[in-house]
């Protein structure tokens, strides 16, 4: 007898390094750099808050303590998502 698979498989997300300029995030077999210039919500955050990244869906990352929600497309193309309306 074979057990049924429950839910969909969503790969893990992990913060691999934090520096004075930003942090590196591992997702989908790739490492992404989030600079504090492009993602200012993380600049004054604690290490515990930054590493507490959740992935509720394949295209959605969430940092609960910071109330920050991003997609991988936003991370890969931050210039396409300006912080201020022009």
N, C-alpha and C. Protein backbone atom coordinates (compact mmCIF):
# COMPACT_ATOMS: atom_id res chain seq x y z
N UNK A 1 0.84 -1.17 0.00
CA UNK A 1 0.00 0.00 0.00
C UNK A 1 0.89 1.24 0.00
N UNK A 2 0.54 2.21 -0.84
CA UNK A 2 1.31 3.43 -0.96
C UNK A 2 0.53 4.58 -0.33
N UNK A 3 1.22 5.38 0.49
CA UNK A 3 0.57 6.53 1.13
C UNK A 3 0.41 7.66 0.12
N UNK A 4 -0.67 8.38 0.26
CA UNK A 4 -0.91 9.53 -0.61
C UNK A 4 -0.05 10.70 -0.14
N UNK A 5 0.37 11.52 -1.09
CA UNK A 5 1.13 12.71 -0.77
C UNK A 5 0.18 13.79 -0.32
N UNK A 6 0.49 14.41 0.80
CA UNK A 6 -0.36 15.48 1.33
C UNK A 6 0.22 16.83 0.96
N UNK A 7 -0.58 17.69 0.36
CA UNK A 7 -0.15 19.05 0.01
C UNK A 7 0.86 19.05 -1.12
N UNK A 8 1.37 20.23 -1.41
CA UNK A 8 2.37 20.37 -2.45
C UNK A 8 3.72 20.62 -1.80
N UNK A 9 4.75 20.19 -2.48
CA UNK A 9 6.10 20.37 -1.96
C UNK A 9 6.58 21.78 -2.28
N UNK A 10 6.94 22.52 -1.24
CA UNK A 10 7.50 23.86 -1.40
C UNK A 10 8.90 23.81 -0.82
N UNK A 11 9.88 24.18 -1.66
CA UNK A 11 11.26 24.11 -1.18
C UNK A 11 11.48 25.11 -0.07
N UNK A 12 12.45 24.80 0.77
CA UNK A 12 12.75 25.65 1.91
C UNK A 12 13.39 26.95 1.48
N UNK A 13 13.33 27.90 2.37
CA UNK A 13 14.00 29.17 2.19
C UNK A 13 14.91 29.35 3.40
N UNK A 14 16.13 29.86 3.16
CA UNK A 14 17.09 30.00 4.25
C UNK A 14 17.94 31.24 4.04
N UNK A 15 18.15 32.00 5.09
CA UNK A 15 19.08 33.11 5.06
C UNK A 15 20.46 32.52 5.32
N UNK A 16 21.38 32.70 4.37
CA UNK A 16 22.68 32.06 4.48
C UNK A 16 23.77 32.98 5.01
N UNK A 17 23.58 34.30 4.91
CA UNK A 17 24.59 35.23 5.39
C UNK A 17 23.96 36.61 5.53
N UNK A 18 24.45 37.38 6.50
CA UNK A 18 24.00 38.75 6.71
C UNK A 18 25.23 39.64 6.80
N UNK A 19 25.21 40.76 6.09
CA UNK A 19 26.33 41.70 6.14
C UNK A 19 25.81 43.10 6.43
N UNK A 20 26.71 44.06 6.45
CA UNK A 20 26.32 45.47 6.68
C UNK A 20 25.58 46.05 5.49
N UNK A 21 25.59 45.35 4.35
CA UNK A 21 24.97 45.87 3.12
C UNK A 21 23.68 45.15 2.73
N UNK A 22 23.42 44.01 3.34
CA UNK A 22 22.24 43.24 2.99
C UNK A 22 22.39 41.80 3.45
N UNK A 23 21.59 40.93 2.88
CA UNK A 23 21.69 39.51 3.25
C UNK A 23 21.43 38.62 2.05
N UNK A 24 21.89 37.37 2.16
CA UNK A 24 21.73 36.38 1.11
C UNK A 24 20.65 35.39 1.52
N UNK A 25 19.81 35.09 0.58
CA UNK A 25 18.68 34.20 0.81
C UNK A 25 18.75 33.05 -0.18
N UNK A 26 18.67 31.83 0.33
CA UNK A 26 18.68 30.63 -0.52
C UNK A 26 17.25 30.21 -0.78
N UNK A 27 16.86 30.13 -2.05
CA UNK A 27 15.52 29.67 -2.42
C UNK A 27 15.57 29.09 -3.82
N UNK A 28 14.88 28.00 -4.02
CA UNK A 28 14.79 27.34 -5.32
C UNK A 28 16.15 27.00 -5.92
N UNK A 29 17.09 26.58 -5.07
CA UNK A 29 18.39 26.17 -5.57
C UNK A 29 19.29 27.32 -5.99
N UNK A 30 18.92 28.55 -5.63
CA UNK A 30 19.72 29.73 -5.99
C UNK A 30 19.87 30.64 -4.78
N UNK A 31 20.95 31.38 -4.78
CA UNK A 31 21.17 32.35 -3.73
C UNK A 31 20.84 33.74 -4.27
N UNK A 32 20.08 34.51 -3.51
CA UNK A 32 19.64 35.84 -3.89
C UNK A 32 20.18 36.84 -2.87
N UNK A 33 20.67 38.00 -3.35
CA UNK A 33 21.15 39.03 -2.43
C UNK A 33 20.09 40.12 -2.31
N UNK A 34 19.71 40.44 -1.08
CA UNK A 34 18.76 41.51 -0.81
C UNK A 34 19.53 42.64 -0.15
N UNK A 35 19.79 43.69 -0.90
CA UNK A 35 20.51 44.83 -0.34
C UNK A 35 19.55 45.68 0.49
N UNK A 36 20.10 46.34 1.49
CA UNK A 36 19.27 47.22 2.32
C UNK A 36 18.82 48.44 1.53
N UNK A 37 19.53 48.79 0.47
CA UNK A 37 19.12 49.90 -0.39
C UNK A 37 17.81 49.54 -1.10
N UNK A 38 17.74 48.33 -1.64
CA UNK A 38 16.53 47.89 -2.35
C UNK A 38 15.44 47.41 -1.41
N UNK A 39 15.81 46.92 -0.24
CA UNK A 39 14.86 46.35 0.71
C UNK A 39 15.10 46.96 2.10
N UNK A 40 14.76 48.24 2.28
CA UNK A 40 15.11 48.96 3.50
C UNK A 40 14.43 48.45 4.77
N UNK A 41 13.40 47.66 4.64
CA UNK A 41 12.68 47.13 5.81
C UNK A 41 13.56 46.25 6.67
N UNK A 42 14.62 45.70 6.09
CA UNK A 42 15.50 44.78 6.82
C UNK A 42 16.69 45.46 7.48
N UNK A 43 16.97 46.72 7.13
CA UNK A 43 18.19 47.39 7.57
C UNK A 43 18.36 47.42 9.09
N UNK A 44 17.34 47.75 9.83
CA UNK A 44 17.45 47.83 11.29
C UNK A 44 16.83 46.64 12.00
N UNK A 45 16.53 45.59 11.25
CA UNK A 45 15.92 44.39 11.82
C UNK A 45 16.97 43.57 12.57
N UNK A 46 16.52 42.80 13.53
CA UNK A 46 17.42 41.91 14.25
C UNK A 46 17.74 40.69 13.37
N UNK A 47 18.82 40.04 13.71
CA UNK A 47 19.18 38.81 12.99
C UNK A 47 18.05 37.80 13.10
N UNK A 48 17.49 37.67 14.29
CA UNK A 48 16.39 36.71 14.50
C UNK A 48 15.20 37.01 13.58
N UNK A 49 14.90 38.28 13.39
CA UNK A 49 13.78 38.64 12.52
C UNK A 49 14.08 38.36 11.05
N UNK A 50 15.32 38.60 10.63
CA UNK A 50 15.68 38.36 9.23
C UNK A 50 15.70 36.87 8.91
N UNK A 51 16.25 36.05 9.80
CA UNK A 51 16.33 34.61 9.50
C UNK A 51 15.00 33.90 9.65
N UNK A 52 14.03 34.57 10.23
CA UNK A 52 12.70 33.97 10.39
C UNK A 52 11.85 34.20 9.14
N UNK A 53 12.35 33.69 8.02
CA UNK A 53 11.63 33.79 6.75
C UNK A 53 10.74 32.57 6.58
N UNK A 54 9.52 32.81 6.16
CA UNK A 54 8.57 31.73 5.91
C UNK A 54 8.21 31.73 4.43
N UNK A 55 7.77 30.59 3.97
CA UNK A 55 7.36 30.46 2.57
C UNK A 55 5.98 29.80 2.52
N UNK A 56 4.94 30.61 2.67
CA UNK A 56 3.59 30.04 2.68
C UNK A 56 3.16 29.48 1.32
N UNK A 57 3.72 30.02 0.24
CA UNK A 57 3.44 29.52 -1.11
C UNK A 57 4.74 29.58 -1.91
N UNK A 58 4.78 28.91 -3.01
CA UNK A 58 5.99 28.85 -3.83
C UNK A 58 6.45 30.23 -4.29
N UNK A 59 5.52 31.14 -4.52
CA UNK A 59 5.88 32.46 -5.03
C UNK A 59 5.83 33.56 -3.96
N UNK A 60 5.75 33.18 -2.70
CA UNK A 60 5.52 34.16 -1.63
C UNK A 60 6.45 33.89 -0.45
N UNK A 61 7.20 34.92 -0.05
CA UNK A 61 8.05 34.86 1.14
C UNK A 61 7.50 35.85 2.16
N UNK A 62 7.57 35.47 3.42
CA UNK A 62 6.98 36.31 4.47
C UNK A 62 7.89 36.34 5.69
N UNK A 63 8.10 37.54 6.23
CA UNK A 63 8.83 37.74 7.48
C UNK A 63 7.83 38.25 8.50
N UNK A 64 7.29 37.38 9.35
CA UNK A 64 6.19 37.74 10.25
C UNK A 64 6.50 38.87 11.22
N UNK A 65 7.66 38.88 11.84
CA UNK A 65 7.98 39.91 12.82
C UNK A 65 8.14 41.29 12.18
N UNK A 66 8.47 41.31 10.89
CA UNK A 66 8.68 42.57 10.18
C UNK A 66 7.48 42.97 9.34
N UNK A 67 6.51 42.08 9.20
CA UNK A 67 5.34 42.28 8.35
C UNK A 67 5.76 42.64 6.93
N UNK A 68 6.72 41.87 6.40
CA UNK A 68 7.23 42.06 5.04
C UNK A 68 6.84 40.85 4.21
N UNK A 69 6.28 41.11 3.04
CA UNK A 69 5.91 40.07 2.08
C UNK A 69 6.57 40.39 0.75
N UNK A 70 7.28 39.42 0.19
CA UNK A 70 7.95 39.59 -1.10
C UNK A 70 7.73 38.36 -1.96
N UNK A 71 7.85 38.54 -3.26
CA UNK A 71 7.88 37.40 -4.17
C UNK A 71 9.31 37.27 -4.67
N UNK A 72 9.65 36.12 -5.23
CA UNK A 72 10.98 35.94 -5.79
C UNK A 72 11.20 36.90 -6.95
N UNK A 73 10.16 37.23 -7.70
CA UNK A 73 10.31 38.19 -8.79
C UNK A 73 10.68 39.56 -8.24
N UNK A 74 10.10 39.97 -7.14
CA UNK A 74 10.48 41.25 -6.51
C UNK A 74 11.94 41.23 -6.08
N UNK A 75 12.41 40.10 -5.58
CA UNK A 75 13.79 39.98 -5.13
C UNK A 75 14.75 39.98 -6.33
N UNK A 76 14.38 39.28 -7.38
CA UNK A 76 15.24 39.19 -8.56
C UNK A 76 15.21 40.46 -9.40
N UNK A 77 14.13 41.23 -9.35
CA UNK A 77 13.97 42.44 -10.17
C UNK A 77 13.47 43.61 -9.34
N UNK A 78 14.25 44.05 -8.36
CA UNK A 78 13.75 45.11 -7.47
C UNK A 78 13.46 46.42 -8.18
N UNK A 79 14.14 46.70 -9.30
CA UNK A 79 13.89 47.96 -10.02
C UNK A 79 12.50 47.97 -10.67
N UNK A 80 11.93 46.81 -10.88
CA UNK A 80 10.58 46.73 -11.47
C UNK A 80 9.50 47.04 -10.42
N UNK A 81 9.89 47.09 -9.16
CA UNK A 81 8.96 47.34 -8.07
C UNK A 81 9.47 48.51 -7.22
N UNK A 82 9.35 49.73 -7.73
CA UNK A 82 9.90 50.88 -7.00
C UNK A 82 9.21 51.08 -5.65
N UNK A 83 9.97 51.62 -4.70
CA UNK A 83 9.45 51.85 -3.36
C UNK A 83 8.51 53.04 -3.31
N UNK A 84 8.61 53.93 -4.27
CA UNK A 84 7.76 55.13 -4.30
C UNK A 84 7.13 55.27 -5.67
N UNK A 85 5.93 55.75 -5.70
CA UNK A 85 5.22 55.96 -6.94
C UNK A 85 5.83 57.17 -7.66
N UNK A 86 6.05 57.07 -8.96
CA UNK A 86 6.62 58.18 -9.72
C UNK A 86 5.56 58.89 -10.51
